[in-house]
Amino acid sequence: LSEILLREEKINLSRPCLRIILREAGIPPKLKRRSSKHRSRRERKEAFGMMLQIDGSPHDWLEGRGPHFTLIGAKDDATNFVWAQFEDAETTWGYMNLMREIFLSKGLPLSLYSDRHTIFHSPKEPTIIEQLQNTRSLTQFGRAMDELGITLIKAWSAPAKGRIENQWKTFQDRLVVELRLAKVKTKEEANRVLKWFLEDYNRRFTVTPKKQDAVFRKAPTPLQLDRILCLKETRTVNKDHTISFEGLVLQIPPGKKYHSIARQKVCVLQLKDGSVEIIYKKFTVARFCPEAITRMTKQYENEKTQLKKTA
């Protein structure tokens, strides 16, 4: 409030002075003070890109002027640099879109630090074979990070990833006011305000890491990323050359290269634009455009699916 008064009204009031005025007017603090617990401090990572903390914050960001959104974000542990975007909800696609923006702008980080949300970590217990191979079931997000060589670290409590948790508290104070001043009512408008807000925030509040050289690795091309940051499953082709994928029955048409692939394993991908591809031995045997997938998913409105219903 002190910063906005100075910027918008040219009224220069210090925080202590402003706090006294608010309390005398009967306006209480936003956050209640709680007795502190003893916690040991975890030192920051040494270099930019060594570890990003990722999380989502569902909140009434528009204060009733529009629908509720979830702010999905990532915060570099070494520098406090923040990336974020508004999504309708905390979903696999939302995090993949955020990761794509980070990868193309900065590169691949060494690790990600997340909570135990099933978007990141599968709740399935490992099978006997997986135990023998020292592997676990992966979520779609976990599989994509594994393909990119990014270590996904599980936080066992909210304080363990306190830097991004505290970030949300800051944004629920500062960002909410900026959205109010801009009279934002839609997600698109909110993301436009968020873009310049983050530019200003990162310019002012990032810190210098111990090591000057960033450790981001070179990212694949956008085309290669699209085939990694996607829904990807293995399916067995039925005798009638159909497969089941996320509640849909997809028909593979006859082709010149392979006359029959019944009972064969194929890889099924849904890409960022909403299209679905079926690949057999690195050859695309069927492709369904976003509009076709949208038509088919409308038949299963009540089914739980990760498929995009719009392109």
Protein backbone atom coordinates (compact mmCIF):
# COMPACT_ATOMS: atom_id res chain seq x y z
CA LEU A 1 0.00 0.00 0.00
CA SER A 2 2.87 2.36 0.80
CA GLU A 3 4.39 1.76 -2.65
CA ILE A 4 1.07 2.19 -4.47
CA LEU A 5 0.27 5.44 -2.62
CA LEU A 6 3.62 6.82 -3.73
CA ARG A 7 3.24 5.58 -7.30
CA GLU A 8 -0.41 6.46 -7.91
CA GLU A 9 -1.13 9.39 -5.55
CA LYS A 10 2.38 10.80 -4.92
CA ILE A 11 1.81 10.39 -1.16
CA ASN A 12 5.01 9.39 0.61
CA LEU A 13 4.27 7.50 3.86
CA SER A 14 6.65 5.10 5.57
CA ARG A 15 5.40 1.63 6.45
CA PRO A 16 5.48 2.22 10.24
CA CYS A 17 3.54 5.50 9.84
CA LEU A 18 1.02 3.88 7.52
CA ARG A 19 0.60 0.96 9.93
CA ILE A 20 -0.27 3.39 12.77
CA ILE A 21 -2.86 5.15 10.60
CA LEU A 22 -4.50 1.84 9.62
CA ARG A 23 -4.65 0.56 13.19
CA GLU A 24 -6.14 3.84 14.46
CA ALA A 25 -8.79 3.53 11.73
CA GLY A 26 -9.67 0.04 13.02
CA ILE A 27 -8.17 -1.85 10.06
CA PRO A 28 -6.51 -5.04 11.39
CA PRO A 29 -3.43 -6.73 9.87
CA LYS A 30 -4.10 -9.16 7.04
CA LEU A 31 -2.23 -12.03 8.68
CA LYS A 32 -2.58 -13.21 12.25
CA ARG A 33 0.60 -13.71 14.22
CA ARG A 34 1.23 -17.29 15.30
CA SER A 35 3.75 -18.58 17.77
CA SER A 36 6.86 -19.61 15.89
CA LYS A 37 8.27 -23.13 15.77
CA HIS A 38 11.92 -24.02 15.81
CA ARG A 39 13.06 -24.87 12.29
CA SER A 40 16.51 -25.29 10.79
CA ARG A 41 17.35 -23.11 7.82
CA ARG A 42 18.12 -24.79 4.52
CA GLU A 43 20.81 -22.95 2.62
CA ARG A 44 19.98 -21.73 -0.86
CA LYS A 45 21.30 -23.57 -3.87
CA GLU A 46 24.49 -22.05 -5.21
CA ALA A 47 23.60 -21.34 -8.83
CA PHE A 48 20.72 -20.11 -10.99
CA GLY A 49 18.94 -23.15 -12.45
CA MET A 50 20.16 -25.69 -9.89
CA MET A 51 16.66 -26.15 -8.41
CA LEU A 52 13.24 -24.61 -9.05
CA GLN A 53 10.47 -24.86 -6.48
CA ILE A 54 7.09 -25.38 -8.19
CA ASP A 55 3.59 -25.02 -6.77
CA GLY A 56 0.07 -23.71 -7.42
CA SER A 57 -2.03 -21.20 -5.49
CA PRO A 58 -5.84 -21.38 -5.90
CA HIS A 59 -7.25 -18.07 -4.72
CA ASP A 60 -9.95 -15.48 -5.43
CA TRP A 61 -7.43 -13.39 -7.32
CA LEU A 62 -10.12 -11.15 -8.87
CA GLU A 63 -11.96 -10.59 -5.57
CA GLY A 64 -15.32 -11.59 -7.02
CA ARG A 65 -15.02 -9.66 -10.29
CA GLY A 66 -14.57 -12.90 -12.22
CA PRO A 67 -14.00 -16.65 -11.81
CA HIS A 68 -11.48 -18.15 -9.40
CA PHE A 69 -8.10 -18.99 -10.93
CA THR A 70 -5.01 -20.88 -9.84
CA LEU A 71 -1.65 -19.19 -10.08
CA ILE A 72 0.90 -21.81 -11.16
CA GLY A 73 4.50 -20.85 -10.65
CA ALA A 74 8.15 -21.74 -10.26
CA LYS A 75 10.78 -20.00 -8.14
CA ASP A 76 14.51 -20.39 -8.52
CA ASP A 77 15.96 -21.44 -5.18
CA ALA A 78 19.23 -19.56 -5.63
CA THR A 79 18.03 -16.18 -6.94
CA ASN A 80 14.29 -15.89 -6.10
CA PHE A 81 13.52 -15.39 -9.81
CA VAL A 82 9.83 -16.21 -10.38
CA TRP A 83 7.87 -17.52 -13.37
CA ALA A 84 4.07 -17.78 -13.14
CA GLN A 85 0.84 -17.88 -15.10
CA PHE A 86 -2.87 -18.01 -14.33
CA GLU A 87 -4.69 -21.26 -15.15
CA ASP A 88 -8.29 -22.36 -14.56
CA ALA A 89 -7.04 -25.08 -12.19
CA GLU A 90 -3.89 -26.92 -11.11
CA THR A 91 -3.46 -29.46 -13.94
CA THR A 92 -0.78 -31.45 -15.72
CA TRP A 93 -1.21 -29.28 -18.82
CA GLY A 94 -0.85 -26.10 -16.77
CA TYR A 95 2.50 -27.18 -15.37
CA MET A 96 3.70 -28.45 -18.75
CA ASN A 97 2.86 -25.08 -20.33
CA LEU A 98 4.78 -23.30 -17.58
CA MET A 99 7.77 -25.62 -17.98
CA ARG A 100 7.79 -25.06 -21.74
CA GLU A 101 8.00 -21.29 -21.21
CA ILE A 102 10.90 -21.73 -18.75
CA PHE A 103 12.77 -24.25 -20.92
CA LEU A 104 12.58 -22.10 -24.05
CA SER A 105 13.53 -18.87 -22.26
CA LYS A 106 16.26 -20.14 -19.88
CA GLY A 107 16.93 -23.83 -20.55
CA LEU A 108 16.54 -27.03 -18.52
CA PRO A 109 17.07 -26.77 -14.74
CA LEU A 110 18.86 -29.55 -12.90
CA SER A 111 15.95 -30.31 -10.55
CA LEU A 112 12.41 -29.40 -9.53
CA TYR A 113 11.15 -29.35 -5.93
CA SER A 114 7.42 -30.06 -5.57
CA ASP A 115 4.84 -31.17 -3.05
CA ARG A 116 3.27 -34.65 -3.10
CA HIS A 117 0.49 -33.73 -5.55
CA THR A 118 -0.44 -36.61 -7.85
CA ILE A 119 0.40 -34.39 -10.84
CA PHE A 120 4.06 -34.81 -9.89
CA HIS A 121 4.28 -38.11 -8.04
CA SER A 122 2.25 -41.26 -8.70
CA PRO A 123 0.45 -42.68 -5.64
CA LYS A 124 0.75 -46.21 -7.05
CA GLU A 125 2.89 -48.61 -5.10
CA PRO A 126 5.73 -50.11 -7.19
CA THR A 127 5.14 -53.56 -8.62
CA ILE A 128 7.53 -56.46 -7.97
CA ILE A 129 9.17 -55.88 -11.37
CA GLU A 130 9.55 -52.14 -10.64
CA GLN A 131 11.08 -52.91 -7.25
CA LEU A 132 13.59 -55.27 -8.86
CA GLN A 133 14.44 -52.60 -11.44
CA ASN A 134 14.52 -49.89 -8.74
CA THR A 135 11.89 -47.83 -10.56
CA ARG A 136 8.45 -46.42 -9.78
CA SER A 137 5.31 -45.57 -11.72
CA LEU A 138 5.55 -42.09 -13.20
CA THR A 139 2.87 -39.50 -13.81
CA GLN A 140 2.73 -37.79 -17.19
CA PHE A 141 4.61 -34.82 -15.74
CA GLY A 142 7.13 -37.10 -14.03
CA ARG A 143 7.69 -39.05 -17.25
CA ALA A 144 8.32 -35.82 -19.21
CA MET A 145 10.86 -34.59 -16.64
CA ASP A 146 12.55 -38.00 -16.68
CA GLU A 147 12.90 -37.83 -20.47
CA LEU A 148 14.51 -34.39 -20.12
CA GLY A 149 16.89 -35.56 -17.40
CA ILE A 150 15.39 -33.28 -14.72
CA THR A 151 15.32 -34.67 -11.18
CA LEU A 152 11.93 -34.34 -9.49
CA ILE A 153 12.35 -34.00 -5.70
CA LYS A 154 9.45 -34.59 -3.30
CA ALA A 155 8.85 -32.19 -0.40
CA TRP A 156 7.24 -33.85 2.61
CA SER A 157 5.79 -30.68 4.13
CA ALA A 158 4.78 -27.14 3.14
CA PRO A 159 7.58 -25.51 5.20
CA ALA A 160 10.09 -27.63 3.25
CA LYS A 161 9.31 -25.52 0.18
CA GLY A 162 8.71 -22.40 2.23
CA ARG A 163 10.23 -20.01 -0.30
CA ILE A 164 7.47 -20.52 -2.85
CA GLU A 165 4.79 -20.86 -0.16
CA ASN A 166 5.78 -17.44 1.19
CA GLN A 167 5.82 -16.17 -2.40
CA TRP A 168 2.11 -16.86 -2.71
CA LYS A 169 1.41 -14.85 0.45
CA THR A 170 3.30 -11.93 -1.06
CA PHE A 171 1.44 -12.19 -4.36
CA GLN A 172 -1.94 -12.51 -2.63
CA ASP A 173 -1.12 -9.13 -1.10
CA ARG A 174 0.69 -7.25 -3.90
CA LEU A 175 -0.66 -8.87 -7.07
CA VAL A 176 -4.30 -8.81 -5.95
CA VAL A 177 -4.10 -5.03 -5.55
CA GLU A 178 -2.55 -4.58 -9.00
CA LEU A 179 -5.32 -6.68 -10.56
CA ARG A 180 -7.89 -4.57 -8.71
CA LEU A 181 -6.35 -1.29 -9.91
CA ALA A 182 -6.33 -2.59 -13.50
CA LYS A 183 -10.01 -3.66 -13.10
CA VAL A 184 -9.19 -7.14 -14.39
CA LYS A 185 -12.15 -9.46 -14.96
CA THR A 186 -10.80 -12.29 -17.14
CA LYS A 187 -7.92 -14.76 -17.14
CA GLU A 188 -6.45 -13.22 -20.29
CA GLU A 189 -6.39 -9.75 -18.73
CA ALA A 190 -4.92 -11.20 -15.52
CA ASN A 191 -2.05 -12.84 -17.40
CA ARG A 192 -1.27 -9.56 -19.20
CA VAL A 193 -1.01 -7.73 -15.86
CA LEU A 194 0.98 -10.63 -14.42
CA LYS A 195 3.56 -10.36 -17.22
CA TRP A 196 4.64 -6.80 -16.41
CA PHE A 197 4.18 -7.40 -12.68
CA LEU A 198 6.71 -10.26 -12.78
CA GLU A 199 9.17 -8.23 -14.86
CA ASP A 200 9.10 -5.49 -12.21
CA TYR A 201 9.10 -7.96 -9.30
CA ASN A 202 12.07 -9.97 -10.60
CA ARG A 203 14.03 -6.79 -11.34
CA ARG A 204 13.58 -5.58 -7.77
CA PHE A 205 13.68 -8.70 -5.63
CA THR A 206 16.04 -11.26 -7.17
CA VAL A 207 19.26 -11.90 -5.25
CA THR A 208 22.77 -12.69 -6.43
CA PRO A 209 23.68 -16.40 -6.17
CA LYS A 210 26.97 -17.66 -4.76
CA LYS A 211 28.06 -18.84 -8.22
CA GLN A 212 27.66 -16.37 -11.07
CA ASP A 213 27.35 -18.91 -13.89
CA ALA A 214 23.86 -20.34 -14.44
CA VAL A 215 23.60 -24.13 -14.72
CA PHE A 216 20.58 -24.36 -17.03
CA ARG A 217 21.18 -26.95 -19.76
CA LYS A 218 20.34 -26.37 -23.40
CA ALA A 219 16.70 -27.22 -24.13
CA PRO A 220 15.47 -29.29 -27.08
CA THR A 221 13.85 -27.51 -30.02
CA PRO A 222 10.20 -26.40 -29.65
CA LEU A 223 9.11 -29.29 -31.90
CA GLN A 224 11.00 -31.82 -29.78
CA LEU A 225 9.65 -30.29 -26.56
CA ASP A 226 6.08 -30.60 -27.84
CA ARG A 227 6.58 -34.36 -28.16
CA ILE A 228 7.93 -34.61 -24.63
CA LEU A 229 5.64 -32.18 -22.79
CA CYS A 230 2.51 -34.06 -23.78
CA LEU A 231 0.31 -36.97 -22.76
CA LYS A 232 2.13 -40.12 -23.80
CA GLU A 233 0.98 -43.70 -23.30
CA THR A 234 1.69 -47.15 -24.74
CA ARG A 235 -1.29 -49.10 -26.06
CA THR A 236 -1.87 -52.47 -27.72
CA VAL A 237 -3.80 -52.33 -31.01
CA ASN A 238 -7.00 -54.38 -31.01
CA LYS A 239 -7.90 -56.80 -33.79
CA ASP A 240 -10.17 -54.16 -35.36
CA HIS A 241 -7.26 -51.69 -35.36
CA THR A 242 -8.65 -49.51 -32.58
CA ILE A 243 -7.05 -48.37 -29.34
CA SER A 244 -8.44 -46.85 -26.14
CA PHE A 245 -6.89 -43.59 -24.94
CA GLU A 246 -8.18 -41.40 -22.09
CA GLY A 247 -11.73 -42.75 -22.53
CA LEU A 248 -11.76 -42.45 -26.34
CA VAL A 249 -11.80 -45.24 -28.92
CA LEU A 250 -9.48 -44.24 -31.78
CA GLN A 251 -9.55 -45.99 -35.15
CA ILE A 252 -6.26 -46.54 -37.01
CA PRO A 253 -6.85 -46.33 -40.79
CA PRO A 254 -5.22 -48.79 -43.24
CA GLY A 255 -1.80 -47.71 -44.46
CA LYS A 256 0.65 -48.56 -47.23
CA LYS A 257 3.69 -49.03 -44.98
CA TYR A 258 2.06 -51.46 -42.51
CA HIS A 259 -0.90 -53.53 -43.74
CA SER A 260 -1.74 -54.78 -40.25
CA ILE A 261 -0.46 -53.81 -36.82
CA ALA A 262 -3.06 -55.69 -34.79
CA ARG A 263 -1.77 -56.83 -31.37
CA GLN A 264 1.27 -54.55 -31.75
CA LYS A 265 2.40 -51.92 -29.26
CA VAL A 266 1.96 -48.28 -30.30
CA CYS A 267 2.78 -44.96 -28.64
CA VAL A 268 -0.10 -42.48 -28.32
CA LEU A 269 0.61 -38.77 -27.91
CA GLN A 270 -1.66 -35.81 -27.29
CA LEU A 271 0.24 -32.66 -28.19
CA LYS A 272 0.05 -29.10 -26.89
CA ASP A 273 -2.41 -28.01 -29.60
CA GLY A 274 -4.85 -30.79 -28.62
CA SER A 275 -4.14 -33.13 -31.55
CA VAL A 276 -3.49 -36.86 -30.99
CA GLU A 277 -0.90 -38.94 -32.84
CA ILE A 278 -0.48 -42.72 -32.88
CA ILE A 279 3.10 -43.81 -33.57
CA TYR A 280 4.33 -47.28 -34.51
CA LYS A 281 8.09 -47.84 -34.86
CA LYS A 282 8.70 -44.06 -35.10
CA PHE A 283 6.14 -43.81 -37.94
CA THR A 284 2.85 -41.89 -37.48
CA VAL A 285 0.04 -44.30 -38.44
CA ALA A 286 -2.86 -42.02 -37.42
CA ARG A 287 -3.40 -38.39 -36.50
CA PHE A 288 -6.52 -36.76 -35.09
CA CYS A 289 -6.87 -32.98 -35.32
CA PRO A 290 -7.85 -30.90 -32.26
CA GLU A 291 -11.37 -30.38 -33.60
CA ALA A 292 -11.94 -34.14 -33.92
CA ILE A 293 -10.72 -34.73 -30.37
CA THR A 294 -12.99 -31.94 -29.11
CA ARG A 295 -16.01 -33.54 -30.80
CA MET A 296 -15.21 -36.93 -29.32
CA THR A 297 -14.55 -35.66 -25.79
CA LYS A 298 -17.94 -33.89 -25.74
CA GLN A 299 -19.50 -37.35 -25.71
CA TYR A 300 -17.78 -38.04 -22.39
CA GLU A 301 -18.49 -34.86 -20.41
CA ASN A 302 -18.85 -36.80 -17.16
CA GLU A 303 -15.72 -38.92 -17.64
CA LYS A 304 -12.48 -38.01 -15.86
CA THR A 305 -9.90 -37.32 -18.56
CA GLN A 306 -6.73 -35.28 -19.06
CA LEU A 307 -7.49 -34.71 -22.74
CA LYS A 308 -7.85 -31.14 -23.91
CA LYS A 309 -11.41 -30.46 -25.07
CA THR A 310 -10.44 -27.35 -27.01
CA ALA A 311 -7.50 -26.67 -29.29
